C-alpha atoms as a PDB file:
ATOM      1  CA  MET A   1     106.710  81.395  52.583  1.00  0.00           C
ATOM      2  CA  LEU A   2     103.332  82.107  53.477  1.00  0.00           C
ATOM      3  CA  ALA A   3     103.853  81.790  57.303  1.00  0.00           C
ATOM      4  CA  ARG A   4     106.381  84.275  57.049  1.00  0.00           C
ATOM      5  CA  ALA A   5     104.222  86.933  55.150  1.00  0.00           C
ATOM      6  CA  GLY A   6     102.231  87.996  58.152  1.00  0.00           C
ATOM      7  CA  PRO A   7     105.134  88.720  60.557  1.00  0.00           C
ATOM      8  CA  PHE A   8     107.165  90.512  57.826  1.00  0.00           C
ATOM      9  CA  LYS A   9     104.175  92.716  56.843  1.00  0.00           C
ATOM     10  CA  SER A  10     103.625  93.485  60.638  1.00  0.00           C
ATOM     11  CA  HIS A  11     107.328  94.297  61.134  1.00  0.00           C
ATOM     12  CA  SER A  12     107.247  96.728  58.081  1.00  0.00           C
ATOM     13  CA  THR A  13     104.023  98.382  59.363  1.00  0.00           C
ATOM     14  CA  PHE A  14     105.711  98.811  62.906  1.00  0.00           C
ATOM     15  CA  LYS A  15     108.623 100.431  61.378  1.00  0.00           C
ATOM     16  CA  SER A  16     106.556 102.829  59.192  1.00  0.00           C
ATOM     17  CA  HIS A  17     104.365 103.807  62.323  1.00  0.00           C
ATOM     18  CA  SER A  18     107.469 104.504  64.418  1.00  0.00           C
ATOM     19  CA  GLU A  19     108.954 106.657  61.596  1.00  0.00           C
ATOM     20  CA  VAL A  20     105.875 108.890  61.206  1.00  0.00           C
ATOM     21  CA  ILE A  21     105.505 108.994  65.197  1.00  0.00           C
ATOM     22  CA  SER A  22     109.274 109.945  65.589  1.00  0.00           C
ATOM     23  CA  GLY A  23     109.076 112.585  62.823  1.00  0.00           C
ATOM     24  CA  SER A  24     105.904 114.076  64.302  1.00  0.00           C
ATOM     25  CA  ILE A  25     107.433 114.231  67.854  1.00  0.00           C
ATOM     26  CA  ILE A  26     110.843 115.837  66.578  1.00  0.00           C
ATOM     27  CA  TYR A  27     108.809 118.542  64.537  1.00  0.00           C
ATOM     28  CA  GLY A  28     107.606 119.615  68.110  1.00  0.00           C
ATOM     29  CA  THR A  29     111.075 120.909  68.890  1.00  0.00           C
ATOM     30  CA  ILE A  30     110.595 123.775  66.578  1.00  0.00           C
ATOM     31  CA  GLY A  31     109.959 126.210  69.346  1.00  0.00           C
ATOM     32  CA  ILE A  32     113.122 125.201  71.289  1.00  0.00           C
ATOM     33  CA  PHE A  33     115.257 126.136  68.432  1.00  0.00           C
ATOM     34  CA  LEU A  34     113.632 129.375  67.945  1.00  0.00           C
ATOM     35  CA  ASP A  35     114.009 130.287  71.464  1.00  0.00           C
ATOM     36  CA  ARG A  36     117.758 129.815  70.995  1.00  0.00           C
ATOM     37  CA  VAL A  37     118.032 131.844  68.106  1.00  0.00           C
ATOM     38  CA  GLN A  38     118.901 135.525  69.054  1.00  0.00           C
ATOM     39  CA  ASP A  39     118.651 138.626  67.256  1.00  0.00           C
ATOM     40  CA  MET A  40     117.648 137.255  63.891  1.00  0.00           C
ATOM     41  CA  SER A  41     114.396 138.153  62.027  1.00  0.00           C
ATOM     42  CA  VAL A  42     111.884 135.210  61.441  1.00  0.00           C
ATOM     43  CA  GLY A  43     112.700 135.577  57.605  1.00  0.00           C
ATOM     44  CA  SER A  44     116.381 135.008  58.302  1.00  0.00           C
ATOM     45  CA  VAL A  45     115.876 132.050  60.582  1.00  0.00           C
ATOM     46  CA  LEU A  46     113.515 130.627  58.024  1.00  0.00           C
ATOM     47  CA  PHE A  47     116.030 130.923  55.151  1.00  0.00           C
ATOM     48  CA  CYS A  48     118.745 129.300  57.254  1.00  0.00           C
ATOM     49  CA  ARG A  49     116.467 126.357  58.028  1.00  0.00           C
ATOM     50  CA  LEU A  50     115.334 125.990  54.495  1.00  0.00           C
ATOM     51  CA  ALA A  51     119.031 126.098  53.071  1.00  0.00           C
ATOM     52  CA  PHE A  52     120.457 123.361  55.354  1.00  0.00           C
ATOM     53  CA  GLY A  53     117.318 121.440  54.572  1.00  0.00           C
ATOM     54  CA  LEU A  54     117.515 121.627  50.908  1.00  0.00           C
ATOM     55  CA  CYS A  55     121.130 120.541  50.957  1.00  0.00           C
ATOM     56  CA  MET A  56     120.295 117.488  53.125  1.00  0.00           C
ATOM     57  CA  LEU A  57     117.411 116.547  50.725  1.00  0.00           C
ATOM     58  CA  PHE A  58     119.573 116.738  47.974  1.00  0.00           C
ATOM     59  CA  LEU A  59     122.267 114.562  49.523  1.00  0.00           C
ATOM     60  CA  TYR A  60     119.720 112.060  50.569  1.00  0.00           C
ATOM     61  CA  LEU A  61     118.319 111.732  47.195  1.00  0.00           C
ATOM     62  CA  LEU A  62     121.678 111.654  45.439  1.00  0.00           C
ATOM     63  CA  LEU A  63     122.602 108.754  47.651  1.00  0.00           C
ATOM     64  CA  ARG A  64     119.675 106.774  47.188  1.00  0.00           C
ATOM     65  CA  GLY A  65     119.585 107.247  43.464  1.00  0.00           C
ATOM     66  CA  GLY A  66     116.249 109.504  43.836  1.00  0.00           C
ATOM     67  CA  LEU A  67     117.383 112.453  41.685  1.00  0.00           C
ATOM     68  CA  PRO A  68     115.324 111.527  38.601  1.00  0.00           C
ATOM     69  CA  GLN A  69     112.064 112.011  40.298  1.00  0.00           C
ATOM     70  CA  LEU A  70     112.984 115.690  40.577  1.00  0.00           C
ATOM     71  CA  ARG A  71     112.485 116.092  36.766  1.00  0.00           C
ATOM     72  CA  LEU A  72     110.027 118.734  36.060  1.00  0.00           C
ATOM     73  CA  GLY A  73     106.797 117.816  34.505  1.00  0.00           C
ATOM     74  CA  LYS A  74     103.401 119.345  33.841  1.00  0.00           C
ATOM     75  CA  ASN A  75     101.864 121.852  36.572  1.00  0.00           C
ATOM     76  CA  ARG A  76     104.947 123.424  37.275  1.00  0.00           C
ATOM     77  CA  LYS A  77     103.188 126.675  38.163  1.00  0.00           C
ATOM     78  CA  TYR A  78     101.763 124.928  41.192  1.00  0.00           C
ATOM     79  CA  LEU A  79     105.236 124.037  42.512  1.00  0.00           C
ATOM     80  CA  LEU A  80     105.608 127.843  42.589  1.00  0.00           C
ATOM     81  CA  LEU A  81     102.246 128.092  44.422  1.00  0.00           C
ATOM     82  CA  LEU A  82     103.497 125.458  46.938  1.00  0.00           C
ATOM     83  CA  GLY A  83     106.833 127.480  47.506  1.00  0.00           C
ATOM     84  CA  PHE A  84     104.931 130.712  47.991  1.00  0.00           C
ATOM     85  CA  LEU A  85     102.385 128.904  50.460  1.00  0.00           C
ATOM     86  CA  ASN A  86     105.264 127.216  52.308  1.00  0.00           C
ATOM     87  CA  THR A  87     106.865 130.727  52.737  1.00  0.00           C
ATOM     88  CA  VAL A  88     103.960 132.388  54.209  1.00  0.00           C
ATOM     89  CA  ASN A  89     103.108 129.405  56.207  1.00  0.00           C
ATOM     90  CA  GLY A  90     106.656 129.329  57.659  1.00  0.00           C
ATOM     91  CA  LEU A  91     106.693 133.088  58.396  1.00  0.00           C
ATOM     92  CA  CYS A  92     103.311 133.028  60.116  1.00  0.00           C
ATOM     93  CA  TYR A  93     104.110 129.902  62.176  1.00  0.00           C
ATOM     94  CA  PHE A  94     107.435 131.136  63.455  1.00  0.00           C
ATOM     95  CA  SER A  95     105.885 134.646  64.154  1.00  0.00           C
ATOM     96  CA  ALA A  96     103.053 133.004  66.225  1.00  0.00           C
ATOM     97  CA  ILE A  97     105.529 130.849  68.255  1.00  0.00           C
ATOM     98  CA  ARG A  98     107.484 134.131  69.083  1.00  0.00           C
ATOM     99  CA  TYR A  99     104.490 136.150  69.823  1.00  0.00           C
ATOM    100  CA  SER A 100     102.159 133.512  71.649  1.00  0.00           C
ATOM    101  CA  GLY A 101     104.017 130.703  72.376  1.00  0.00           C
ATOM    102  CA  LEU A 102     104.591 127.115  70.676  1.00  0.00           C
ATOM    103  CA  SER A 103     101.521 125.706  72.451  1.00  0.00           C
ATOM    104  CA  VAL A 104      99.137 128.094  70.889  1.00  0.00           C
ATOM    105  CA  ALA A 105     100.911 128.501  67.562  1.00  0.00           C
ATOM    106  CA  VAL A 106     100.891 124.580  66.946  1.00  0.00           C
ATOM    107  CA  LEU A 107      97.344 124.081  67.790  1.00  0.00           C
ATOM    108  CA  LEU A 108      96.335 126.977  65.527  1.00  0.00           C
ATOM    109  CA  LEU A 109      98.192 125.418  62.812  1.00  0.00           C
ATOM    110  CA  TYR A 110      96.421 122.060  63.000  1.00  0.00           C
ATOM    111  CA  THR A 111      93.087 123.764  62.431  1.00  0.00           C
ATOM    112  CA  ALA A 112      94.237 123.129  58.715  1.00  0.00           C
ATOM    113  CA  PRO A 113      92.343 119.881  58.232  1.00  0.00           C
ATOM    114  CA  VAL A 114      88.879 121.805  58.895  1.00  0.00           C
ATOM    115  CA  TYR A 115      90.066 124.218  56.305  1.00  0.00           C
ATOM    116  CA  VAL A 116      90.722 121.369  53.873  1.00  0.00           C
ATOM    117  CA  SER A 117      87.356 119.709  54.508  1.00  0.00           C
ATOM    118  CA  LEU A 118      85.848 123.061  53.511  1.00  0.00           C
ATOM    119  CA  LEU A 119      87.962 123.976  50.589  1.00  0.00           C
ATOM    120  CA  ALA A 120      88.413 120.547  48.915  1.00  0.00           C
ATOM    121  CA  PRO A 121      84.951 120.122  47.608  1.00  0.00           C
ATOM    122  CA  PRO A 122      84.910 123.143  45.467  1.00  0.00           C
ATOM    123  CA  ILE A 123      88.525 123.042  44.468  1.00  0.00           C
ATOM    124  CA  LEU A 124      89.107 119.480  44.008  1.00  0.00           C
ATOM    125  CA  GLY A 125      85.613 118.246  43.481  1.00  0.00           C
ATOM    126  CA  GLU A 126      85.420 116.099  46.271  1.00  0.00           C
ATOM    127  CA  LYS A 127      82.057 115.199  47.805  1.00  0.00           C
ATOM    128  CA  SER A 128      80.936 117.651  50.482  1.00  0.00           C
ATOM    129  CA  SER A 129      79.144 116.330  53.700  1.00  0.00           C
ATOM    130  CA  SER A 130      77.073 117.945  56.337  1.00  0.00           C
ATOM    131  CA  LYS A 131      79.417 115.985  58.765  1.00  0.00           C
ATOM    132  CA  ASN A 132      82.030 118.722  58.300  1.00  0.00           C
ATOM    133  CA  LEU A 133      79.908 121.068  60.394  1.00  0.00           C
ATOM    134  CA  LEU A 134      80.599 119.233  63.698  1.00  0.00           C
ATOM    135  CA  PRO A 135      84.477 119.564  63.106  1.00  0.00           C
ATOM    136  CA  LEU A 136      84.177 123.196  62.010  1.00  0.00           C
ATOM    137  CA  PHE A 137      82.321 123.981  65.296  1.00  0.00           C
ATOM    138  CA  LEU A 138      84.878 122.076  67.416  1.00  0.00           C
ATOM    139  CA  ALA A 139      87.674 123.927  65.623  1.00  0.00           C
ATOM    140  CA  VAL A 140      86.200 127.416  66.225  1.00  0.00           C
ATOM    141  CA  LEU A 141      85.445 126.559  69.894  1.00  0.00           C
ATOM    142  CA  GLY A 142      88.953 125.320  70.423  1.00  0.00           C
ATOM    143  CA  VAL A 143      90.434 128.418  68.967  1.00  0.00           C
ATOM    144  CA  ALA A 144      88.284 130.672  71.046  1.00  0.00           C
ATOM    145  CA  LEU A 145      89.387 128.619  74.114  1.00  0.00           C
ATOM    146  CA  ILE A 146      93.047 128.917  73.062  1.00  0.00           C
ATOM    147  CA  ALA A 147      92.815 132.636  72.307  1.00  0.00           C
ATOM    148  CA  ARG A 148      91.356 133.420  75.785  1.00  0.00           C
ATOM    149  CA  PRO A 149      88.652 136.140  74.735  1.00  0.00           C
ATOM    150  CA  GLY A 150      89.505 138.234  77.921  1.00  0.00           C
ATOM    151  CA  GLU A 151      92.979 138.739  76.784  1.00  0.00           C
ATOM    152  CA  ILE A 152      91.856 139.514  73.133  1.00  0.00           C
ATOM    153  CA  LEU A 153      89.586 142.302  74.387  1.00  0.00           C
ATOM    154  CA  ALA A 154      92.169 143.724  76.331  1.00  0.00           C
ATOM    155  CA  GLY A 155      94.780 143.309  73.696  1.00  0.00           C
ATOM    156  CA  LEU A 156      92.347 145.455  71.206  1.00  0.00           C
ATOM    157  CA  GLU A 157      93.445 148.539  73.219  1.00  0.00           C
ATOM    158  CA  ALA A 158      96.729 147.416  74.284  1.00  0.00           C
ATOM    159  CA  GLY A 159      97.987 145.787  70.896  1.00  0.00           C
ATOM    160  CA  SER A 160      99.178 142.679  72.622  1.00  0.00           C
ATOM    161  CA  ASP A 161     101.655 140.394  71.341  1.00  0.00           C
ATOM    162  CA  PHE A 162      99.390 137.583  72.188  1.00  0.00           C
ATOM    163  CA  LEU A 163      96.697 138.860  69.750  1.00  0.00           C
ATOM    164  CA  LYS A 164      99.163 139.227  67.205  1.00  0.00           C
ATOM    165  CA  GLY A 165     100.350 135.613  67.838  1.00  0.00           C
ATOM    166  CA  VAL A 166      96.748 134.115  67.313  1.00  0.00           C
ATOM    167  CA  GLY A 167      96.330 136.163  64.262  1.00  0.00           C
ATOM    168  CA  PHE A 168      99.605 134.864  62.570  1.00  0.00           C
ATOM    169  CA  GLY A 169      98.618 131.351  64.005  1.00  0.00           C
ATOM    170  CA  MET A 170      95.283 131.282  62.288  1.00  0.00           C
ATOM    171  CA  LEU A 171      96.707 132.340  59.073  1.00  0.00           C
ATOM    172  CA  SER A 172      99.431 129.722  59.336  1.00  0.00           C
ATOM    173  CA  GLY A 173      96.627 127.201  59.758  1.00  0.00           C
ATOM    174  CA  PHE A 174      94.836 128.548  56.684  1.00  0.00           C
ATOM    175  CA  THR A 175      97.860 128.522  54.400  1.00  0.00           C
ATOM    176  CA  PHE A 176      98.766 125.056  55.708  1.00  0.00           C
ATOM    177  CA  GLY A 177      95.232 123.947  54.765  1.00  0.00           C
ATOM    178  CA  VAL A 178      95.797 125.377  51.101  1.00  0.00           C
ATOM    179  CA  THR A 179      98.945 123.577  50.889  1.00  0.00           C
ATOM    180  CA  ILE A 180      97.513 120.297  51.842  1.00  0.00           C
ATOM    181  CA  ILE A 181      95.003 120.838  48.884  1.00  0.00           C
ATOM    182  CA  THR A 182      97.875 121.847  46.433  1.00  0.00           C
ATOM    183  CA  ILE A 183      99.879 118.850  47.461  1.00  0.00           C
ATOM    184  CA  ARG A 184      96.917 116.647  46.936  1.00  0.00           C
ATOM    185  CA  TYR A 185      96.209 118.059  43.422  1.00  0.00           C
ATOM    186  CA  LEU A 186      99.647 117.637  42.346  1.00  0.00           C
ATOM    187  CA  ARG A 187     100.053 113.927  43.717  1.00  0.00           C
ATOM    188  CA  HIS A 188      99.778 112.152  40.418  1.00  0.00           C
ATOM    189  CA  ASP A 189     102.493 114.440  38.769  1.00  0.00           C
ATOM    190  CA  TYR A 190     104.993 114.604  41.560  1.00  0.00           C
ATOM    191  CA  SER A 191     106.087 112.391  44.429  1.00  0.00           C
ATOM    192  CA  GLY A 192     106.018 113.605  47.779  1.00  0.00           C
ATOM    193  CA  MET A 193     109.779 113.982  48.021  1.00  0.00           C
ATOM    194  CA  ALA A 194     109.828 115.838  44.944  1.00  0.00           C
ATOM    195  CA  GLN A 195     107.334 118.283  45.981  1.00  0.00           C
ATOM    196  CA  THR A 196     109.105 118.759  49.242  1.00  0.00           C
ATOM    197  CA  PHE A 197     112.288 119.636  47.403  1.00  0.00           C
ATOM    198  CA  TRP A 198     110.810 121.907  44.949  1.00  0.00           C
ATOM    199  CA  LEU A 199     108.643 123.836  47.484  1.00  0.00           C
ATOM    200  CA  THR A 200     111.726 124.186  49.765  1.00  0.00           C
ATOM    201  CA  ALA A 201     113.858 125.544  46.799  1.00  0.00           C
ATOM    202  CA  VAL A 202     111.149 127.983  45.821  1.00  0.00           C
ATOM    203  CA  SER A 203     110.642 129.184  49.266  1.00  0.00           C
ATOM    204  CA  LEU A 204     114.415 129.899  49.519  1.00  0.00           C
ATOM    205  CA  CYS A 205     114.148 132.424  46.928  1.00  0.00           C
ATOM    206  CA  PHE A 206     111.167 134.231  48.509  1.00  0.00           C
ATOM    207  CA  VAL A 207     113.004 134.640  51.970  1.00  0.00           C
ATOM    208  CA  LEU A 208     116.534 135.570  50.224  1.00  0.00           C
ATOM    209  CA  PRO A 209     116.033 139.266  51.040  1.00  0.00           C
ATOM    210  CA  SER A 210     115.572 138.630  54.679  1.00  0.00           C
ATOM    211  CA  ALA A 211     118.578 136.742  55.013  1.00  0.00           C
ATOM    212  CA  ALA A 212     120.659 139.274  53.028  1.00  0.00           C
ATOM    213  CA  LEU A 213     119.799 141.929  55.755  1.00  0.00           C
ATOM    214  CA  THR A 214     121.197 139.864  58.496  1.00  0.00           C
ATOM    215  CA  PRO A 215     124.534 141.164  59.801  1.00  0.00           C
ATOM    216  CA  LEU A 216     127.238 138.489  59.306  1.00  0.00           C
ATOM    217  CA  PRO A 217     128.329 138.668  62.927  1.00  0.00           C
ATOM    218  CA  VAL A 218     124.868 137.706  64.130  1.00  0.00           C
ATOM    219  CA  LEU A 219     124.519 134.884  61.637  1.00  0.00           C
ATOM    220  CA  LEU A 220     127.869 133.402  62.633  1.00  0.00           C
ATOM    221  CA  GLU A 221     126.827 133.675  66.394  1.00  0.00           C
ATOM    222  CA  ASN A 222     123.704 131.812  65.719  1.00  0.00           C
ATOM    223  CA  LEU A 223     125.246 129.409  62.901  1.00  0.00           C
ATOM    224  CA  ASN A 224     125.517 126.231  65.248  1.00  0.00           C
ATOM    225  CA  THR A 225     122.025 126.569  66.271  1.00  0.00           C
ATOM    226  CA  LEU A 226     120.792 127.119  62.781  1.00  0.00           C
ATOM    227  CA  PHE A 227     122.539 124.246  61.506  1.00  0.00           C
ATOM    228  CA  LEU A 228     121.180 121.992  64.032  1.00  0.00           C
ATOM    229  CA  PHE A 229     117.874 123.352  63.378  1.00  0.00           C
ATOM    230  CA  GLY A 230     118.143 122.488  59.836  1.00  0.00           C
ATOM    231  CA  VAL A 231     119.420 119.072  60.249  1.00  0.00           C
ATOM    232  CA  THR A 232     117.050 118.015  63.107  1.00  0.00           C
ATOM    233  CA  ILE A 233     113.891 119.314  61.336  1.00  0.00           C
ATOM    234  CA  THR A 234     114.869 117.800  57.848  1.00  0.00           C
ATOM    235  CA  CYS A 235     115.612 114.422  59.345  1.00  0.00           C
ATOM    236  CA  ALA A 236     111.924 114.690  60.896  1.00  0.00           C
ATOM    237  CA  ALA A 237     110.757 115.282  57.386  1.00  0.00           C
ATOM    238  CA  LEU A 238     112.498 112.306  55.892  1.00  0.00           C
ATOM    239  CA  LEU A 239     111.228 110.157  58.716  1.00  0.00           C
ATOM    240  CA  TYR A 240     107.900 111.293  58.226  1.00  0.00           C
ATOM    241  CA  LEU A 241     107.884 110.949  54.523  1.00  0.00           C
ATOM    242  CA  ARG A 242     109.510 107.380  54.683  1.00  0.00           C
ATOM    243  CA  GLY A 243     106.838 106.256  57.194  1.00  0.00           C
ATOM    244  CA  ILE A 244     103.964 107.705  55.406  1.00  0.00           C
ATOM    245  CA  SER A 245     104.616 105.659  52.135  1.00  0.00           C
ATOM    246  CA  GLY A 246     104.180 102.445  54.226  1.00  0.00           C
ATOM    247  CA  ILE A 247     100.797 103.102  55.925  1.00  0.00           C
ATOM    248  CA  ARG A 248      97.365 103.980  54.985  1.00  0.00           C
ATOM    249  CA  ALA A 249      96.777 107.737  54.497  1.00  0.00           C
ATOM    250  CA  GLN A 250      94.056 108.165  57.048  1.00  0.00           C
ATOM    251  CA  THR A 251      96.375 106.440  59.616  1.00  0.00           C
ATOM    252  CA  GLY A 252      99.223 108.706  58.690  1.00  0.00           C
ATOM    253  CA  SER A 253      96.929 111.903  59.085  1.00  0.00           C
ATOM    254  CA  ILE A 254      95.810 110.852  62.675  1.00  0.00           C
ATOM    255  CA  LEU A 255      99.523 110.045  63.611  1.00  0.00           C
ATOM    256  CA  ALA A 256     100.372 113.431  62.700  1.00  0.00           C
ATOM    257  CA  LEU A 257      98.252 114.735  65.483  1.00  0.00           C
ATOM    258  CA  ILE A 258     101.017 113.606  67.792  1.00  0.00           C
ATOM    259  CA  GLU A 259     102.918 116.599  66.597  1.00  0.00           C
ATOM    260  CA  PRO A 260     100.756 119.443  68.385  1.00  0.00           C
ATOM    261  CA  VAL A 261     100.929 117.375  71.602  1.00  0.00           C
ATOM    262  CA  SER A 262     104.642 117.056  71.256  1.00  0.00           C
ATOM    263  CA  GLY A 263     104.901 120.791  70.810  1.00  0.00           C
ATOM    264  CA  ILE A 264     102.783 121.457  73.805  1.00  0.00           C
ATOM    265  CA  PHE A 265     104.902 118.942  76.010  1.00  0.00           C
ATOM    266  CA  PHE A 266     108.245 120.653  75.027  1.00  0.00           C
ATOM    267  CA  ASP A 267     106.726 124.147  75.482  1.00  0.00           C
ATOM    268  CA  SER A 268     105.643 123.310  79.099  1.00  0.00           C
ATOM    269  CA  THR A 269     108.659 121.306  80.058  1.00  0.00           C
ATOM    270  CA  VAL A 270     111.711 122.719  78.297  1.00  0.00           C
ATOM    271  CA  LEU A 271     110.672 126.301  77.635  1.00  0.00           C
ATOM    272  CA  LYS A 272     108.785 126.534  80.854  1.00  0.00           C
ATOM    273  CA  SER A 273     105.752 128.409  79.379  1.00  0.00           C
ATOM    274  CA  PRO A 274     102.597 128.400  81.244  1.00  0.00           C
ATOM    275  CA  LEU A 275      99.976 125.976  80.395  1.00  0.00           C
ATOM    276  CA  TYR A 276      96.426 127.379  80.885  1.00  0.00           C
ATOM    277  CA  ALA A 277      93.380 124.997  81.301  1.00  0.00           C
ATOM    278  CA  SER A 278      91.688 126.672  78.416  1.00  0.00           C
ATOM    279  CA  THR A 279      94.609 125.638  76.203  1.00  0.00           C
ATOM    280  CA  LEU A 280      94.358 122.149  77.123  1.00  0.00           C
ATOM    281  CA  LEU A 281      90.586 122.181  76.487  1.00  0.00           C
ATOM    282  CA  GLY A 282      91.060 124.060  73.084  1.00  0.00           C
ATOM    283  CA  CYS A 283      93.708 121.383  72.377  1.00  0.00           C
ATOM    284  CA  GLY A 284      91.150 118.703  72.907  1.00  0.00           C
ATOM    285  CA  PHE A 285      88.459 120.328  70.653  1.00  0.00           C
ATOM    286  CA  ILE A 286      90.839 121.042  67.809  1.00  0.00           C
ATOM    287  CA  LEU A 287      92.482 117.456  67.869  1.00  0.00           C
ATOM    288  CA  THR A 288      89.175 116.071  67.889  1.00  0.00           C
ATOM    289  CA  ALA A 289      88.090 118.090  64.851  1.00  0.00           C
ATOM    290  CA  ALA A 290      91.073 117.083  63.001  1.00  0.00           C
ATOM    291  CA  TYR A 291      90.396 113.268  64.017  1.00  0.00           C
ATOM    292  CA  LEU A 292      86.804 113.480  63.060  1.00  0.00           C
ATOM    293  CA  VAL A 293      87.983 115.028  59.526  1.00  0.00           C
ATOM    294  CA  SER A 294      90.564 112.180  58.919  1.00  0.00           C
ATOM    295  CA  ARG A 295      88.073 109.586  59.976  1.00  0.00           C
ATOM    296  CA  GLY A 296      85.372 111.053  57.718  1.00  0.00           C
ATOM    297  CA  ARG A 297      87.574 111.019  54.664  1.00  0.00           C
ATOM    298  CA  ALA A 298      88.431 107.441  55.286  1.00  0.00           C
ATOM    299  CA  ILE A 299      84.716 106.253  55.614  1.00  0.00           C
ATOM    300  CA  GLU A 300      83.723 108.021  52.556  1.00  0.00           C
ATOM    301  CA  GLU A 301      86.609 106.424  50.730  1.00  0.00           C
ATOM    302  CA  VAL A 302      87.747 109.819  49.365  1.00  0.00           C
ATOM    303  CA  PRO A 303      91.274 109.501  47.712  1.00  0.00           C
ATOM    304  CA  GLU A 304      93.611 111.458  49.647  1.00  0.00           C
ATOM    305  CA  GLU A 305      97.273 112.151  50.527  1.00  0.00           C
ATOM    306  CA  PRO A 306      98.105 112.041  54.290  1.00  0.00           C
ATOM    307  CA  LEU A 307      98.308 115.146  56.296  1.00  0.00           C
ATOM    308  CA  PRO A 308     101.800 116.406  55.514  1.00  0.00           C
ATOM    309  CA  SER A 309     103.883 117.947  58.334  1.00  0.00           C
ATOM    310  CA  PRO A 310     104.637 121.773  57.915  1.00  0.00           C
ATOM    311  CA  LEU A 311     107.993 123.192  56.726  1.00  0.00           C
ATOM    312  CA  ALA A 312     109.270 120.010  55.326  1.00  0.00           C
END
């Protein structure tokens, strides 16, 4: 029996790693679906994505007997906060993709770990460290390179879409960071699956007005793409959540960094978006910053939840 314990554990760990990696790669396809949807507002697209996703999550929990974990306990108001943050994050992230492209949007989204390292000490009472300054510097430098200062200065007068995209992207990163902190605060009251379900349900309520304004013919024209969008990204979320439960939190946070790399790959190969050297250099700085933050938490042995994927 003892001889079999090692290989079995190794196989289980390999499966968990594979699920997290697969989920992160699939998340990188968001920009492709947004490019295929025509004549719909960001709010309407987000509503449809969340609606299909919520149905799939409910069906998944029903078949696996997991509905009891959806029972509401204490700190319910923070579930409302999660829903609000997820809504703002989704609207800003989708807007950033449409204005500045997937590569820029996904990298700005992943400045979130830096915000977490700055906000977690005063909010959650975690230990602060001067080591956080290096990731912060790298993230700021990465954002500056991605934003391409020359275009920003030109855009101040012209009001360029690229500048709007950078603004939305930075806001999506900030709200994602606050979402991570809220999830960590609730980790003892609600499971990751329960938090995902309720934040999705609350988000639907916030974006319902946008969906109501969408003409029915436009909705029907895009229905196949929206359905595939919802199913694909929800499958990514389920894979990610299943895999995360079987590996260390710090390992999961680092593996999640595959998502922006995947997004850049699909953006340049499928969507044929131009890839600038400054974007690649900024990518390196931001991913290094996120990696250092994750490693720093592991070394300091601060209890944490793994970095979740957005829009789960």
